[in-house]
C-alpha cells in the first residue's frame, strides 16, 4: 500500500522530465518510510518497503523515466553516499580492540577462503571454453566486495549496542 501511495505521489509531480526531482522525491519517500517503520518497531520491513517503493515507481514511470532517475541515484551513491558510508564505518572501527593474533588469523582465513573460492569459481566455468586468463578474471570478479556487509553492518551494530 505504501509503495502504491508513494508512486502515486511521485507520479503527480509536474517534473515529468526532471530525473533529479524524481530521484530526490523517491529518496525522500524512502527515507521517510525507513525511519517511520523503524520508529514503529518494524526495522526489518523498512528496507523491504524502500525496495518495494522503488520497484513500484519503476513500474509506474516506465523504463526511460526510471532509468534516468536511477542514473541520478547511481551517481549520488558513487560520488557521495558510498564514500561517506565507508568513511563512517572506518571511523567506527577501534583498532586498539583488535589483537595482533586475531588480525593475523583473520587475514589467513580470508586468504585461504579466497584460494578455495577462486578454485571453485574457476572450476564452475571450466566447461564453457574460456581461457585460463578469462577463468581467472571470472574468479576474481566473483570475489565479495563487502558492500552488502557494510550496509547491513549497521543493523548488527544496533543489535549489539541494544543488548
Protein backbone atom coordinates (compact mmCIF):
# COMPACT_ATOMS: atom_id res chain seq x y z
CA UNK A 1 0.00 0.00 0.00
CA UNK A 2 2.84 2.37 0.89
CA UNK A 3 4.58 1.67 -2.39
CA UNK A 4 1.43 2.45 -4.36
CA UNK A 5 0.82 5.68 -2.42
CA UNK A 6 4.44 6.75 -2.85
CA UNK A 7 4.41 6.02 -6.58
CA UNK A 8 1.13 7.90 -6.96
CA UNK A 9 2.59 10.91 -5.14
CA UNK A 10 5.71 10.85 -7.27
CA UNK A 11 3.68 10.42 -10.47
CA UNK A 12 1.55 13.51 -9.70
CA UNK A 13 4.60 15.76 -9.57
CA UNK A 14 4.87 18.14 -12.53
CA UNK A 15 8.52 17.17 -13.01
CA UNK A 16 7.82 14.64 -15.76
CA UNK A 17 11.15 15.14 -17.46
CA UNK A 18 13.21 16.03 -14.38
CA UNK A 19 15.13 12.92 -13.28
CA UNK A 20 16.73 14.83 -10.39
CA UNK A 21 13.30 15.71 -8.99
CA UNK A 22 12.11 12.11 -9.38
CA UNK A 23 15.26 10.75 -7.72
CA UNK A 24 15.02 13.28 -4.89
CA UNK A 25 11.32 12.53 -4.33
CA UNK A 26 11.97 8.79 -4.28
CA UNK A 27 14.89 9.25 -1.89
CA UNK A 28 12.86 11.42 0.49
CA UNK A 29 9.97 8.94 0.47
CA UNK A 30 12.32 6.01 1.06
CA UNK A 31 13.96 7.78 4.00
CA UNK A 32 10.56 8.71 5.45
CA UNK A 33 9.35 5.13 5.03
CA UNK A 34 12.52 3.68 6.55
CA UNK A 35 12.58 5.95 9.60
CA UNK A 36 8.82 5.64 10.16
CA UNK A 37 8.87 1.84 10.08
CA UNK A 38 11.94 1.75 12.33
CA UNK A 39 10.20 4.05 14.82
CA UNK A 40 7.20 1.72 14.79
CA UNK A 41 9.44 -1.26 15.55
CA UNK A 42 9.50 -2.73 12.03
CA UNK A 43 13.14 -2.11 11.15
CA UNK A 44 13.32 -5.34 9.14
CA UNK A 45 10.41 -4.23 6.98
CA UNK A 46 11.95 -0.81 6.37
CA UNK A 47 14.46 -1.98 3.75
CA UNK A 48 11.85 -4.18 2.09
CA UNK A 49 9.41 -1.28 1.98
CA UNK A 50 12.00 1.00 0.38
CA UNK A 51 12.76 -1.65 -2.23
CA UNK A 52 9.06 -2.16 -2.93
CA UNK A 53 8.58 1.60 -3.29
CA UNK A 54 11.46 1.85 -5.77
CA UNK A 55 10.18 -1.13 -7.75
CA UNK A 56 6.67 0.31 -7.89
CA UNK A 57 7.98 3.69 -9.04
CA UNK A 58 9.98 1.97 -11.79
CA UNK A 59 6.85 0.17 -12.93
CA UNK A 60 4.76 3.34 -12.91
CA UNK A 61 7.38 5.60 -14.52
CA UNK A 62 8.45 3.20 -17.25
CA UNK A 63 11.98 2.39 -18.40
CA UNK A 64 13.00 5.83 -19.68
CA UNK A 65 11.98 7.89 -16.66
CA UNK A 66 13.03 5.31 -14.08
CA UNK A 67 16.35 4.76 -15.87
CA UNK A 68 17.08 8.50 -15.79
CA UNK A 69 16.22 8.69 -12.08
CA UNK A 70 18.31 5.56 -11.50
CA UNK A 71 21.30 7.24 -13.14
CA UNK A 72 20.95 10.19 -10.77
CA UNK A 73 20.70 7.84 -7.77
CA UNK A 74 23.67 5.82 -9.06
CA UNK A 75 25.79 8.96 -9.28
CA UNK A 76 24.65 10.02 -5.81
CA UNK A 77 25.63 6.61 -4.40
CA UNK A 78 29.02 6.53 -6.12
CA UNK A 79 30.03 10.13 -5.51
CA UNK A 80 28.61 10.85 -2.06
CA UNK A 81 26.86 8.06 -0.17
CA UNK A 82 29.31 5.17 -0.67
CA UNK A 83 32.45 7.13 0.33
CA UNK A 84 30.58 8.55 3.32
CA UNK A 85 29.36 5.10 4.39
CA UNK A 86 32.81 3.56 4.24
CA UNK A 87 34.43 6.55 5.94
CA UNK A 88 31.94 6.38 8.82
CA UNK A 89 32.43 2.62 9.12
CA UNK A 90 36.18 3.10 9.12
CA UNK A 91 35.96 5.70 11.88
CA UNK A 92 33.79 3.36 13.97
CA UNK A 93 36.43 0.60 13.95
CA UNK A 94 38.51 0.55 17.14
CA UNK A 95 41.85 -0.94 16.13
CA UNK A 96 43.04 -0.94 19.76
CA UNK A 97 40.46 -3.64 20.49
CA UNK A 98 41.90 -5.96 17.82
CA UNK A 99 44.67 -8.26 18.99
CA UNK A 100 47.52 -8.98 16.58
CA UNK A 101 46.89 -12.72 16.68
CA UNK A 102 43.21 -12.23 15.80
CA UNK A 103 44.11 -9.92 12.90
CA UNK A 104 46.61 -12.47 11.60
CA UNK A 105 44.06 -15.28 11.83
CA UNK A 106 41.52 -13.11 10.03
CA UNK A 107 43.93 -12.38 7.19
CA UNK A 108 44.82 -16.07 6.96
CA UNK A 109 41.12 -17.02 6.88
CA UNK A 110 40.42 -14.54 4.07
CA UNK A 111 43.46 -15.75 2.10
CA UNK A 112 42.63 -19.45 2.47
CA UNK A 113 38.95 -18.95 1.67
CA UNK A 114 39.97 -16.82 -1.33
CA UNK A 115 42.04 -19.69 -2.70
CA UNK A 116 39.11 -22.12 -2.34
CA UNK A 117 36.62 -19.62 -3.78
CA UNK A 118 38.89 -18.89 -6.74
CA UNK A 119 39.32 -22.61 -7.40
CA UNK A 120 35.57 -23.22 -7.13
CA UNK A 121 34.59 -20.38 -9.46
CA UNK A 122 37.31 -21.29 -11.93
CA UNK A 123 36.03 -24.88 -11.91
CA UNK A 124 32.43 -23.71 -12.30
CA UNK A 125 33.20 -22.01 -15.61
CA UNK A 126 35.73 -24.59 -16.82
CA UNK A 127 33.37 -26.25 -19.29
CA UNK A 128 32.48 -23.08 -21.19
CA UNK A 129 35.57 -22.80 -23.39
CA UNK A 130 37.12 -19.89 -21.51
CA UNK A 131 40.86 -19.41 -21.50
CA UNK A 132 42.83 -19.58 -18.26
CA UNK A 133 43.01 -15.79 -18.06
CA UNK A 134 39.27 -15.48 -18.60
CA UNK A 135 38.53 -18.05 -15.87
CA UNK A 136 40.87 -16.16 -13.54
CA UNK A 137 39.05 -12.93 -14.38
CA UNK A 138 35.68 -14.51 -13.56
CA UNK A 139 37.07 -15.90 -10.30
CA UNK A 140 38.44 -12.50 -9.28
CA UNK A 141 35.26 -10.71 -10.36
CA UNK A 142 33.22 -13.02 -8.12
CA UNK A 143 35.24 -12.14 -5.03
CA UNK A 144 33.00 -10.49 -2.46
CA UNK A 145 33.19 -6.72 -2.32
CA UNK A 146 31.61 -6.38 1.17
CA UNK A 147 29.07 -3.76 0.04
CA UNK A 148 26.14 -5.71 1.46
CA UNK A 149 28.05 -6.49 4.64
CA UNK A 150 28.84 -2.81 5.11
CA UNK A 151 25.24 -1.78 4.53
CA UNK A 152 23.86 -4.43 6.89
CA UNK A 153 26.64 -3.94 9.44
CA UNK A 154 24.79 -1.02 10.99
CA UNK A 155 21.88 -3.31 11.84
CA UNK A 156 24.21 -5.72 13.63
CA UNK A 157 25.84 -2.80 15.44
CA UNK A 158 22.42 -1.53 16.57
CA UNK A 159 21.53 -5.01 17.81
CA UNK A 160 24.83 -5.35 19.68
CA UNK A 161 24.54 -1.90 21.25
CA UNK A 162 20.92 -2.53 22.26
CA UNK A 163 21.64 -5.73 24.24
